[in-house]
Structure formats: structure tokens, C-alpha cells
Amino acid sequence: MCQAGRVSEWTALEDEAVRITRELIRIDTSNFGDGSGPTERAAADYVIGLLREVGLDPSLYESQPGRATVAVRIAGADRSAGGLVVHGHLDVVPANAADWSVDPFGAEI
């Protein structure tokens, strides 16, 4: 592949990563610590949809209603090698819009 092709491929991947990140930011998953927030379920469902689009089979786990975790297993080429865990979280601390110059869930860049 020529250099221009690689740059184009990386640009497309970057654009996709930014799009996905912005869409996730727009899902309010504020965790107030008392169960009164919107929960992570909508964000988890969004992530599950993305994983299914690329042929993976994700699982959803809820420690409490709406407190969602997504897991997916991707087999490696060498089954004797150790595994790799990539971890993240879907909830955020509450954001008071009055403290921000932009909408905290607007995903503005």
C-alpha cells in the first residue's frame, strides 16, 4: 500500500473513533451514587450494537438494574499465550451544565 493509502486509512479510522466517542459522550450516564441517575444501560446497548456490527458476540451483565457492563471475548492466534484484558467504564460523574461553557454532553470538539 502506498503512503497516501495508509494516511487515508488512518484518517478514516481516526474519524470513526471520533464519531464513536462523540456518540458515547452524548449518552448521559451520570452516576450520582444513589441509583438515581440515568444508568449506563443506554451506553452499553450502543457499545453492544457496535461490537455486533463487526461480527463479535458481546455479553451484557448488570450488577443492578441499569448498571451495565459489556464483555466480549476475541480469540487470539496463539491459544497457549496469556490473555489481554482491556477495561473501561461507561458511567461518568454528574456534570452541572451551569459550570460549563458548553453542554457537557454535547460532544463538541
PDB file of N, CA and C in Angstrom:
ATOM      1  N   MET A   1       0.847  -1.174   0.000  1.00  0.00           N
ATOM      2  CA  MET A   1       0.000   0.000   0.000  1.00  0.00           C
ATOM      3  C   MET A   1       0.891   1.235   0.000  1.00  0.00           C
ATOM      4  N   CYS A   2       0.537   2.207  -0.808  1.00  0.00           N
ATOM      5  CA  CYS A   2       1.325   3.439  -0.875  1.00  0.00           C
ATOM      6  C   CYS A   2       1.078   4.294   0.365  1.00  0.00           C
ATOM      7  N   GLN A   3       1.969   5.247   0.594  1.00  0.00           N
ATOM      8  CA  GLN A   3       1.879   6.121   1.770  1.00  0.00           C
ATOM      9  C   GLN A   3       0.540   6.850   1.817  1.00  0.00           C
ATOM     10  N   ALA A   4       0.071   7.340   0.674  1.00  0.00           N
ATOM     11  CA  ALA A   4      -1.209   8.063   0.638  1.00  0.00           C
ATOM     12  C   ALA A   4      -2.351   7.156   1.071  1.00  0.00           C
ATOM     13  N   GLY A   5      -2.290   5.893   0.685  1.00  0.00           N
ATOM     14  CA  GLY A   5      -3.322   4.934   1.088  1.00  0.00           C
ATOM     15  C   GLY A   5      -3.326   4.701   2.581  1.00  0.00           C
ATOM     16  N   ARG A   6      -2.141   4.615   3.181  1.00  0.00           N
ATOM     17  CA  ARG A   6      -2.038   4.430   4.635  1.00  0.00           C
ATOM     18  C   ARG A   6      -2.588   5.640   5.380  1.00  0.00           C
ATOM     19  N   VAL A   7      -2.241   6.817   4.901  1.00  0.00           N
ATOM     20  CA  VAL A   7      -2.732   8.044   5.535  1.00  0.00           C
ATOM     21  C   VAL A   7      -4.252   8.091   5.447  1.00  0.00           C
ATOM     22  N   SER A   8      -4.790   7.753   4.297  1.00  0.00           N
ATOM     23  CA  SER A   8      -6.238   7.751   4.112  1.00  0.00           C
ATOM     24  C   SER A   8      -6.908   6.746   5.048  1.00  0.00           C
ATOM     25  N   GLU A   9      -6.297   5.563   5.185  1.00  0.00           N
ATOM     26  CA  GLU A   9      -6.840   4.532   6.072  1.00  0.00           C
ATOM     27  C   GLU A   9      -6.820   5.008   7.525  1.00  0.00           C
ATOM     28  N   TRP A  10      -5.698   5.603   7.945  1.00  0.00           N
ATOM     29  CA  TRP A  10      -5.600   6.107   9.323  1.00  0.00           C
ATOM     30  C   TRP A  10      -6.577   7.247   9.559  1.00  0.00           C
ATOM     31  N   THR A  11      -6.753   8.108   8.574  1.00  0.00           N
ATOM     32  CA  THR A  11      -7.706   9.212   8.706  1.00  0.00           C
ATOM     33  C   THR A  11      -9.117   8.671   8.878  1.00  0.00           C
ATOM     34  N   ALA A  12      -9.464   7.653   8.124  1.00  0.00           N
ATOM     35  CA  ALA A  12     -10.793   7.047   8.245  1.00  0.00           C
ATOM     36  C   ALA A  12     -10.976   6.418   9.621  1.00  0.00           C
ATOM     37  N   LEU A  13      -9.946   5.735  10.129  1.00  0.00           N
ATOM     38  CA  LEU A  13     -10.031   5.140  11.463  1.00  0.00           C
ATOM     39  C   LEU A  13     -10.162   6.210  12.537  1.00  0.00           C
ATOM     40  N   GLU A  14      -9.411   7.296  12.380  1.00  0.00           N
ATOM     41  CA  GLU A  14      -9.499   8.400  13.335  1.00  0.00           C
ATOM     42  C   GLU A  14     -10.895   9.014  13.317  1.00  0.00           C
ATOM     43  N   ASP A  15     -11.430   9.229  12.128  1.00  0.00           N
ATOM     44  CA  ASP A  15     -12.776   9.795  12.008  1.00  0.00           C
ATOM     45  C   ASP A  15     -13.809   8.893  12.679  1.00  0.00           C
ATOM     46  N   GLU A  16     -13.670   7.588  12.492  1.00  0.00           N
ATOM     47  CA  GLU A  16     -14.604   6.644  13.108  1.00  0.00           C
ATOM     48  C   GLU A  16     -14.472   6.667  14.630  1.00  0.00           C
ATOM     49  N   ALA A  17     -13.242   6.703  15.136  1.00  0.00           N
ATOM     50  CA  ALA A  17     -13.027   6.744  16.587  1.00  0.00           C
ATOM     51  C   ALA A  17     -13.621   8.014  17.188  1.00  0.00           C
ATOM     52  N   VAL A  18     -13.449   9.140  16.514  1.00  0.00           N
ATOM     53  CA  VAL A  18     -14.017  10.405  16.995  1.00  0.00           C
ATOM     54  C   VAL A  18     -15.543  10.333  16.973  1.00  0.00           C
ATOM     55  N   ARG A  19     -16.117   9.788  15.910  1.00  0.00           N
ATOM     56  CA  ARG A  19     -17.579   9.675  15.807  1.00  0.00           C
ATOM     57  C   ARG A  19     -18.140   8.821  16.938  1.00  0.00           C
ATOM     58  N   ILE A  20     -17.531   7.670  17.179  1.00  0.00           N
ATOM     59  CA  ILE A  20     -17.997   6.774  18.237  1.00  0.00           C
ATOM     60  C   ILE A  20     -17.859   7.441  19.601  1.00  0.00           C
ATOM     61  N   THR A  21     -16.732   8.097  19.833  1.00  0.00           N
ATOM     62  CA  THR A  21     -16.516   8.776  21.111  1.00  0.00           C
ATOM     63  C   THR A  21     -17.550   9.873  21.323  1.00  0.00           C
ATOM     64  N   ARG A  22     -17.814  10.649  20.299  1.00  0.00           N
ATOM     65  CA  ARG A  22     -18.809  11.722  20.422  1.00  0.00           C
ATOM     66  C   ARG A  22     -20.190  11.150  20.715  1.00  0.00           C
ATOM     67  N   GLU A  23     -20.551  10.060  20.045  1.00  0.00           N
ATOM     68  CA  GLU A  23     -21.859   9.454  20.286  1.00  0.00           C
ATOM     69  C   GLU A  23     -21.959   8.931  21.717  1.00  0.00           C
ATOM     70  N   LEU A  24     -20.886   8.350  22.234  1.00  0.00           N
ATOM     71  CA  LEU A  24     -20.899   7.876  23.623  1.00  0.00           C
ATOM     72  C   LEU A  24     -21.015   9.036  24.610  1.00  0.00           C
ATOM     73  N   ILE A  25     -20.303  10.131  24.345  1.00  0.00           N
ATOM     74  CA  ILE A  25     -20.361  11.295  25.236  1.00  0.00           C
ATOM     75  C   ILE A  25     -21.781  11.848  25.311  1.00  0.00           C
ATOM     76  N   ARG A  26     -22.507  11.764  24.218  1.00  0.00           N
ATOM     77  CA  ARG A  26     -23.874  12.303  24.181  1.00  0.00           C
ATOM     78  C   ARG A  26     -24.866  11.466  24.993  1.00  0.00           C
ATOM     79  N   ILE A  27     -24.474  10.291  25.408  1.00  0.00           N
ATOM     80  CA  ILE A  27     -25.344   9.444  26.231  1.00  0.00           C
ATOM     81  C   ILE A  27     -25.046   9.765  27.690  1.00  0.00           C
ATOM     82  N   ASP A  28     -25.997  10.371  28.359  1.00  0.00           N
ATOM     83  CA  ASP A  28     -25.798  10.757  29.761  1.00  0.00           C
ATOM     84  C   ASP A  28     -25.806   9.509  30.642  1.00  0.00           C
ATOM     85  N   THR A  29     -24.658   9.212  31.223  1.00  0.00           N
ATOM     86  CA  THR A  29     -24.527   8.060  32.125  1.00  0.00           C
ATOM     87  C   THR A  29     -24.110   8.527  33.514  1.00  0.00           C
ATOM     88  N   SER A  30     -24.574   9.698  33.905  1.00  0.00           N
ATOM     89  CA  SER A  30     -24.201  10.271  35.206  1.00  0.00           C
ATOM     90  C   SER A  30     -24.523   9.308  36.341  1.00  0.00           C
ATOM     91  N   ASN A  31     -23.538   9.104  37.199  1.00  0.00           N
ATOM     92  CA  ASN A  31     -23.695   8.213  38.349  1.00  0.00           C
ATOM     93  C   ASN A  31     -23.659   9.074  39.609  1.00  0.00           C
ATOM     94  N   PHE A  32     -24.809   9.248  40.233  1.00  0.00           N
ATOM     95  CA  PHE A  32     -24.918  10.068  41.442  1.00  0.00           C
ATOM     96  C   PHE A  32     -24.598   9.273  42.702  1.00  0.00           C
ATOM     97  N   GLY A  33     -24.372   7.964  42.544  1.00  0.00           N
ATOM     98  CA  GLY A  33     -24.001   7.130  43.681  1.00  0.00           C
ATOM     99  C   GLY A  33     -25.169   6.597  44.484  1.00  0.00           C
ATOM    100  N   ASP A  34     -26.373   7.034  44.162  1.00  0.00           N
ATOM    101  CA  ASP A  34     -27.539   6.583  44.925  1.00  0.00           C
ATOM    102  C   ASP A  34     -28.574   5.865  44.060  1.00  0.00           C
ATOM    103  N   GLY A  35     -28.190   5.528  42.831  1.00  0.00           N
ATOM    104  CA  GLY A  35     -29.098   4.822  41.935  1.00  0.00           C
ATOM    105  C   GLY A  35     -30.101   5.715  41.228  1.00  0.00           C
ATOM    106  N   SER A  36     -30.002   7.038  41.407  1.00  0.00           N
ATOM    107  CA  SER A  36     -30.998   7.932  40.821  1.00  0.00           C
ATOM    108  C   SER A  36     -30.634   8.415  39.415  1.00  0.00           C
ATOM    109  N   GLY A  37     -29.462   8.103  38.943  1.00  0.00           N
ATOM    110  CA  GLY A  37     -29.028   8.591  37.635  1.00  0.00           C
ATOM    111  C   GLY A  37     -29.630   7.803  36.493  1.00  0.00           C
ATOM    112  N   PRO A  38     -29.289   8.186  35.274  1.00  0.00           N
ATOM    113  CA  PRO A  38     -29.846   7.535  34.090  1.00  0.00           C
ATOM    114  C   PRO A  38     -29.285   6.138  33.822  1.00  0.00           C
ATOM    115  N   THR A  39     -28.293   5.704  34.528  1.00  0.00           N
ATOM    116  CA  THR A  39     -27.614   4.399  34.395  1.00  0.00           C
ATOM    117  C   THR A  39     -26.797   4.309  33.118  1.00  0.00           C
ATOM    118  N   GLU A  40     -26.052   3.230  33.017  1.00  0.00           N
ATOM    119  CA  GLU A  40     -25.160   3.005  31.871  1.00  0.00           C
ATOM    120  C   GLU A  40     -25.796   2.165  30.778  1.00  0.00           C
ATOM    121  N   ARG A  41     -27.019   1.715  30.969  1.00  0.00           N
ATOM    122  CA  ARG A  41     -27.619   0.747  30.051  1.00  0.00           C
ATOM    123  C   ARG A  41     -27.663   1.249  28.606  1.00  0.00           C
ATOM    124  N   ALA A  42     -28.049   2.500  28.379  1.00  0.00           N
ATOM    125  CA  ALA A  42     -28.120   3.009  27.003  1.00  0.00           C
ATOM    126  C   ALA A  42     -26.743   2.991  26.338  1.00  0.00           C
ATOM    127  N   ALA A  43     -25.712   3.358  27.083  1.00  0.00           N
ATOM    128  CA  ALA A  43     -24.354   3.330  26.529  1.00  0.00           C
ATOM    129  C   ALA A  43     -23.916   1.892  26.270  1.00  0.00           C
ATOM    130  N   ALA A  44     -24.257   0.993  27.178  1.00  0.00           N
ATOM    131  CA  ALA A  44     -23.908  -0.419  26.992  1.00  0.00           C
ATOM    132  C   ALA A  44     -24.592  -0.976  25.746  1.00  0.00           C
ATOM    133  N   ASP A  45     -25.860  -0.651  25.559  1.00  0.00           N
ATOM    134  CA  ASP A  45     -26.574  -1.117  24.366  1.00  0.00           C
ATOM    135  C   ASP A  45     -25.933  -0.565  23.095  1.00  0.00           C
ATOM    136  N   TYR A  46     -25.467   0.682  23.142  1.00  0.00           N
ATOM    137  CA  TYR A  46     -24.793   1.279  21.990  1.00  0.00           C
ATOM    138  C   TYR A  46     -23.500   0.514  21.678  1.00  0.00           C
ATOM    139  N   VAL A  47     -22.702   0.241  22.707  1.00  0.00           N
ATOM    140  CA  VAL A  47     -21.443  -0.486  22.525  1.00  0.00           C
ATOM    141  C   VAL A  47     -21.719  -1.894  21.996  1.00  0.00           C
ATOM    142  N   ILE A  48     -22.724  -2.551  22.532  1.00  0.00           N
ATOM    143  CA  ILE A  48     -23.079  -3.893  22.061  1.00  0.00           C
ATOM    144  C   ILE A  48     -23.420  -3.855  20.572  1.00  0.00           C
ATOM    145  N   GLY A  49     -24.165  -2.856  20.153  1.00  0.00           N
ATOM    146  CA  GLY A  49     -24.504  -2.727  18.737  1.00  0.00           C
ATOM    147  C   GLY A  49     -23.273  -2.578  17.861  1.00  0.00           C
ATOM    148  N   LEU A  50     -22.324  -1.772  18.306  1.00  0.00           N
ATOM    149  CA  LEU A  50     -21.083  -1.600  17.542  1.00  0.00           C
ATOM    150  C   LEU A  50     -20.305  -2.905  17.442  1.00  0.00           C
ATOM    151  N   LEU A  51     -20.222  -3.631  18.546  1.00  0.00           N
ATOM    152  CA  LEU A  51     -19.484  -4.894  18.545  1.00  0.00           C
ATOM    153  C   LEU A  51     -20.158  -5.923  17.643  1.00  0.00           C
ATOM    154  N   ARG A  52     -21.469  -5.953  17.655  1.00  0.00           N
ATOM    155  CA  ARG A  52     -22.197  -6.893  16.781  1.00  0.00           C
ATOM    156  C   ARG A  52     -22.017  -6.534  15.313  1.00  0.00           C
ATOM    157  N   GLU A  53     -21.932  -5.234  15.015  1.00  0.00           N
ATOM    158  CA  GLU A  53     -21.722  -4.794  13.626  1.00  0.00           C
ATOM    159  C   GLU A  53     -20.447  -5.367  13.029  1.00  0.00           C
ATOM    160  N   VAL A  54     -19.438  -5.617  13.857  1.00  0.00           N
ATOM    161  CA  VAL A  54     -18.175  -6.154  13.347  1.00  0.00           C
ATOM    162  C   VAL A  54     -18.059  -7.656  13.584  1.00  0.00           C
ATOM    163  N   GLY A  55     -19.195  -8.307  13.868  1.00  0.00           N
ATOM    164  CA  GLY A  55     -19.229  -9.760  13.943  1.00  0.00           C
ATOM    165  C   GLY A  55     -18.875 -10.370  15.284  1.00  0.00           C
ATOM    166  N   LEU A  56     -18.808  -9.569  16.335  1.00  0.00           N
ATOM    167  CA  LEU A  56     -18.491 -10.107  17.661  1.00  0.00           C
ATOM    168  C   LEU A  56     -19.770 -10.453  18.409  1.00  0.00           C
ATOM    169  N   ASP A  57     -19.631 -11.224  19.475  1.00  0.00           N
ATOM    170  CA  ASP A  57     -20.777 -11.683  20.262  1.00  0.00           C
ATOM    171  C   ASP A  57     -20.632 -11.202  21.706  1.00  0.00           C
ATOM    172  N   PRO A  58     -20.952  -9.938  21.970  1.00  0.00           N
ATOM    173  CA  PRO A  58     -20.784  -9.390  23.318  1.00  0.00           C
ATOM    174  C   PRO A  58     -21.840  -9.910  24.286  1.00  0.00           C
ATOM    175  N   SER A  59     -21.508  -9.843  25.567  1.00  0.00           N
ATOM    176  CA  SER A  59     -22.436 -10.206  26.639  1.00  0.00           C
ATOM    177  C   SER A  59     -22.690  -8.978  27.497  1.00  0.00           C
ATOM    178  N   LEU A  60     -23.898  -8.886  28.037  1.00  0.00           N
ATOM    179  CA  LEU A  60     -24.284  -7.793  28.919  1.00  0.00           C
ATOM    180  C   LEU A  60     -24.480  -8.349  30.321  1.00  0.00           C
ATOM    181  N   TYR A  61     -23.900  -7.683  31.298  1.00  0.00           N
ATOM    182  CA  TYR A  61     -24.060  -8.062  32.704  1.00  0.00           C
ATOM    183  C   TYR A  61     -24.551  -6.838  33.458  1.00  0.00           C
ATOM    184  N   GLU A  62     -25.486  -7.048  34.381  1.00  0.00           N
ATOM    185  CA  GLU A  62     -25.977  -5.958  35.209  1.00  0.00           C
ATOM    186  C   GLU A  62     -25.827  -6.336  36.679  1.00  0.00           C
ATOM    187  N   SER A  63     -25.061  -5.539  37.426  1.00  0.00           N
ATOM    188  CA  SER A  63     -24.913  -5.776  38.861  1.00  0.00           C
ATOM    189  C   SER A  63     -26.171  -5.328  39.597  1.00  0.00           C
ATOM    190  N   GLN A  64     -26.864  -4.364  39.033  1.00  0.00           N
ATOM    191  CA  GLN A  64     -28.165  -3.869  39.475  1.00  0.00           C
ATOM    192  C   GLN A  64     -28.885  -3.438  38.204  1.00  0.00           C
ATOM    193  N   PRO A  65     -30.196  -3.291  38.249  1.00  0.00           N
ATOM    194  CA  PRO A  65     -30.894  -2.850  37.037  1.00  0.00           C
ATOM    195  C   PRO A  65     -30.295  -1.549  36.484  1.00  0.00           C
ATOM    196  N   GLY A  66     -29.886  -1.603  35.221  1.00  0.00           N
ATOM    197  CA  GLY A  66     -29.308  -0.437  34.559  1.00  0.00           C
ATOM    198  C   GLY A  66     -27.816  -0.253  34.734  1.00  0.00           C
ATOM    199  N   ARG A  67     -27.228  -0.882  35.751  1.00  0.00           N
ATOM    200  CA  ARG A  67     -25.778  -0.775  35.987  1.00  0.00           C
ATOM    201  C   ARG A  67     -25.102  -1.827  35.113  1.00  0.00           C
ATOM    202  N   ALA A  68     -24.865  -1.471  33.875  1.00  0.00           N
ATOM    203  CA  ALA A  68     -24.485  -2.426  32.843  1.00  0.00           C
ATOM    204  C   ALA A  68     -22.984  -2.482  32.586  1.00  0.00           C
ATOM    205  N   THR A  69     -22.537  -3.674  32.300  1.00  0.00           N
ATOM    206  CA  THR A  69     -21.166  -3.946  31.894  1.00  0.00           C
ATOM    207  C   THR A  69     -21.219  -4.777  30.621  1.00  0.00           C
ATOM    208  N   VAL A  70     -20.346  -4.475  29.679  1.00  0.00           N
ATOM    209  CA  VAL A  70     -20.259  -5.214  28.426  1.00  0.00           C
ATOM    210  C   VAL A  70     -18.944  -5.976  28.408  1.00  0.00           C
ATOM    211  N   ALA A  71     -19.000  -7.226  28.002  1.00  0.00           N
ATOM    212  CA  ALA A  71     -17.787  -8.034  27.852  1.00  0.00           C
ATOM    213  C   ALA A  71     -17.837  -8.729  26.497  1.00  0.00           C
ATOM    214  N   VAL A  72     -16.677  -8.865  25.899  1.00  0.00           N
ATOM    215  CA  VAL A  72     -16.577  -9.602  24.646  1.00  0.00           C
ATOM    216  C   VAL A  72     -15.245 -10.337  24.647  1.00  0.00           C
ATOM    217  N   ARG A  73     -15.253 -11.530  24.128  1.00  0.00           N
ATOM    218  CA  ARG A  73     -14.043 -12.348  24.052  1.00  0.00           C
ATOM    219  C   ARG A  73     -13.632 -12.459  22.586  1.00  0.00           C
ATOM    220  N   ILE A  74     -12.363 -12.171  22.330  1.00  0.00           N
ATOM    221  CA  ILE A  74     -11.810 -12.292  20.983  1.00  0.00           C
ATOM    222  C   ILE A  74     -10.656 -13.276  21.069  1.00  0.00           C
ATOM    223  N   ALA A  75     -10.786 -14.377  20.386  1.00  0.00           N
ATOM    224  CA  ALA A  75      -9.749 -15.406  20.433  1.00  0.00           C
ATOM    225  C   ALA A  75      -8.482 -14.915  19.743  1.00  0.00           C
ATOM    226  N   GLY A  76      -7.354 -15.212  20.344  1.00  0.00           N
ATOM    227  CA  GLY A  76      -6.074 -14.866  19.747  1.00  0.00           C
ATOM    228  C   GLY A  76      -5.584 -15.971  18.828  1.00  0.00           C
ATOM    229  N   ALA A  77      -4.522 -15.698  18.107  1.00  0.00           N
ATOM    230  CA  ALA A  77      -3.960 -16.686  17.192  1.00  0.00           C
ATOM    231  C   ALA A  77      -3.235 -17.794  17.945  1.00  0.00           C
ATOM    232  N   ASP A  78      -2.657 -17.483  19.105  1.00  0.00           N
ATOM    233  CA  ASP A  78      -1.899 -18.453  19.896  1.00  0.00           C
ATOM    234  C   ASP A  78      -2.658 -18.726  21.191  1.00  0.00           C
ATOM    235  N   ARG A  79      -3.385 -19.830  21.222  1.00  0.00           N
ATOM    236  CA  ARG A  79      -4.224 -20.143  22.377  1.00  0.00           C
ATOM    237  C   ARG A  79      -3.413 -20.488  23.618  1.00  0.00           C
ATOM    238  N   SER A  80      -2.107 -20.731  23.461  1.00  0.00           N
ATOM    239  CA  SER A  80      -1.275 -21.020  24.627  1.00  0.00           C
ATOM    240  C   SER A  80      -0.763 -19.735  25.289  1.00  0.00           C
ATOM    241  N   ALA A  81      -0.904 -18.628  24.605  1.00  0.00           N
ATOM    242  CA  ALA A  81      -0.445 -17.345  25.150  1.00  0.00           C
ATOM    243  C   ALA A  81      -1.452 -16.824  26.173  1.00  0.00           C
ATOM    244  N   GLY A  82      -0.980 -15.973  27.052  1.00  0.00           N
ATOM    245  CA  GLY A  82      -1.862 -15.360  28.042  1.00  0.00           C
ATOM    246  C   GLY A  82      -2.870 -14.426  27.394  1.00  0.00           C
ATOM    247  N   GLY A  83      -3.876 -14.083  28.149  1.00  0.00           N
ATOM    248  CA  GLY A  83      -4.918 -13.202  27.651  1.00  0.00           C
ATOM    249  C   GLY A  83      -4.591 -11.736  27.895  1.00  0.00           C
ATOM    250  N   LEU A  84      -5.380 -10.883  27.327  1.00  0.00           N
ATOM    251  CA  LEU A  84      -5.260  -9.442  27.497  1.00  0.00           C
ATOM    252  C   LEU A  84      -6.637  -8.907  27.857  1.00  0.00           C
ATOM    253  N   VAL A  85      -6.718  -8.141  28.918  1.00  0.00           N
ATOM    254  CA  VAL A  85      -7.975  -7.521  29.318  1.00  0.00           C
ATOM    255  C   VAL A  85      -7.881  -6.029  29.035  1.00  0.00           C
ATOM    256  N   VAL A  86      -8.853  -5.517  28.317  1.00  0.00           N
ATOM    257  CA  VAL A  86      -8.970  -4.082  28.084  1.00  0.00           C
ATOM    258  C   VAL A  86     -10.207  -3.642  28.855  1.00  0.00           C
ATOM    259  N   HIS A  87     -10.040  -2.672  29.737  1.00  0.00           N
ATOM    260  CA  HIS A  87     -11.118  -2.293  30.645  1.00  0.00           C
ATOM    261  C   HIS A  87     -11.429  -0.809  30.528  1.00  0.00           C
ATOM    262  N   GLY A  88     -12.676  -0.482  30.621  1.00  0.00           N
ATOM    263  CA  GLY A  88     -13.116   0.908  30.641  1.00  0.00           C
ATOM    264  C   GLY A  88     -14.405   0.981  31.434  1.00  0.00           C
ATOM    265  N   HIS A  89     -14.932   2.154  31.592  1.00  0.00           N
ATOM    266  CA  HIS A  89     -16.212   2.261  32.292  1.00  0.00           C
ATOM    267  C   HIS A  89     -17.127   3.192  31.520  1.00  0.00           C
ATOM    268  N   LEU A  90     -18.425   2.997  31.707  1.00  0.00           N
ATOM    269  CA  LEU A  90     -19.413   3.740  30.946  1.00  0.00           C
ATOM    270  C   LEU A  90     -20.056   4.878  31.729  1.00  0.00           C
ATOM    271  N   ASP A  91     -19.945   4.862  33.058  1.00  0.00           N
ATOM    272  CA  ASP A  91     -20.577   5.929  33.829  1.00  0.00           C
ATOM    273  C   ASP A  91     -19.626   7.110  34.001  1.00  0.00           C
ATOM    274  N   VAL A  92     -20.217   8.258  34.276  1.00  0.00           N
ATOM    275  CA  VAL A  92     -19.443   9.483  34.491  1.00  0.00           C
ATOM    276  C   VAL A  92     -19.938  10.166  35.763  1.00  0.00           C
ATOM    277  N   VAL A  93     -19.099  11.037  36.308  1.00  0.00           N
ATOM    278  CA  VAL A  93     -19.548  11.838  37.450  1.00  0.00           C
ATOM    279  C   VAL A  93     -20.566  12.854  36.935  1.00  0.00           C
ATOM    280  N   PRO A  94     -21.512  13.252  37.766  1.00  0.00           N
ATOM    281  CA  PRO A  94     -22.519  14.218  37.322  1.00  0.00           C
ATOM    282  C   PRO A  94     -21.871  15.537  36.878  1.00  0.00           C
ATOM    283  N   ALA A  95     -22.432  16.121  35.845  1.00  0.00           N
ATOM    284  CA  ALA A  95     -21.942  17.397  35.315  1.00  0.00           C
ATOM    285  C   ALA A  95     -23.048  18.438  35.433  1.00  0.00           C
ATOM    286  N   ASN A  96     -22.756  19.522  36.103  1.00  0.00           N
ATOM    287  CA  ASN A  96     -23.694  20.631  36.222  1.00  0.00           C
ATOM    288  C   ASN A  96     -23.470  21.551  35.025  1.00  0.00           C
ATOM    289  N   ALA A  97     -24.447  21.632  34.141  1.00  0.00           N
ATOM    290  CA  ALA A  97     -24.300  22.414  32.907  1.00  0.00           C
ATOM    291  C   ALA A  97     -23.924  23.868  33.186  1.00  0.00           C
ATOM    292  N   ALA A  98     -24.342  24.412  34.324  1.00  0.00           N
ATOM    293  CA  ALA A  98     -24.024  25.806  34.664  1.00  0.00           C
ATOM    294  C   ALA A  98     -22.525  26.016  34.885  1.00  0.00           C
ATOM    295  N   ASP A  99     -21.807  24.939  35.182  1.00  0.00           N
ATOM    296  CA  ASP A  99     -20.362  25.025  35.402  1.00  0.00           C
ATOM    297  C   ASP A  99     -19.561  24.931  34.103  1.00  0.00           C
ATOM    298  N   TRP A 100     -20.223  24.732  33.001  1.00  0.00           N
ATOM    299  CA  TRP A 100     -19.559  24.506  31.722  1.00  0.00           C
ATOM    300  C   TRP A 100     -19.849  25.654  30.759  1.00  0.00           C
ATOM    301  N   SER A 101     -18.909  25.916  29.870  1.00  0.00           N
ATOM    302  CA  SER A 101     -19.137  26.918  28.826  1.00  0.00           C
ATOM    303  C   SER A 101     -19.852  26.300  27.621  1.00  0.00           C
ATOM    304  N   VAL A 102     -19.865  24.974  27.551  1.00  0.00           N
ATOM    305  CA  VAL A 102     -20.578  24.230  26.506  1.00  0.00           C
ATOM    306  C   VAL A 102     -21.354  23.109  27.183  1.00  0.00           C
ATOM    307  N   ASP A 103     -22.289  22.526  26.474  1.00  0.00           N
ATOM    308  CA  ASP A 103     -23.054  21.399  27.000  1.00  0.00           C
ATOM    309  C   ASP A 103     -22.091  20.247  27.298  1.00  0.00           C
ATOM    310  N   PRO A 104     -22.012  19.770  28.556  1.00  0.00           N
ATOM    311  CA  PRO A 104     -21.064  18.699  28.875  1.00  0.00           C
ATOM    312  C   PRO A 104     -21.351  17.395  28.130  1.00  0.00           C
ATOM    313  N   PHE A 105     -22.562  17.243  27.620  1.00  0.00           N
ATOM    314  CA  PHE A 105     -22.897  16.053  26.845  1.00  0.00           C
ATOM    315  C   PHE A 105     -23.098  16.383  25.366  1.00  0.00           C
ATOM    316  N   GLY A 106     -22.597  17.538  24.948  1.00  0.00           N
ATOM    317  CA  GLY A 106     -22.726  17.962  23.560  1.00  0.00           C
ATOM    318  C   GLY A 106     -21.666  17.384  22.645  1.00  0.00           C
ATOM    319  N   ALA A 107     -20.596  16.856  23.230  1.00  0.00           N
ATOM    320  CA  ALA A 107     -19.504  16.225  22.474  1.00  0.00           C
ATOM    321  C   ALA A 107     -18.869  17.183  21.471  1.00  0.00           C
ATOM    322  N   GLU A 108     -18.747  18.436  21.856  1.00  0.00           N
ATOM    323  CA  GLU A 108     -18.103  19.417  20.980  1.00  0.00           C
ATOM    324  C   GLU A 108     -16.592  19.236  21.012  1.00  0.00           C
ATOM    325  N   ILE A 109     -15.975  19.403  19.862  1.00  0.00           N
ATOM    326  CA  ILE A 109     -14.518  19.303  19.770  1.00  0.00           C
ATOM    327  C   ILE A 109     -13.972  20.679  19.464  1.00  0.00           C
TER     328      ILE A 109
END
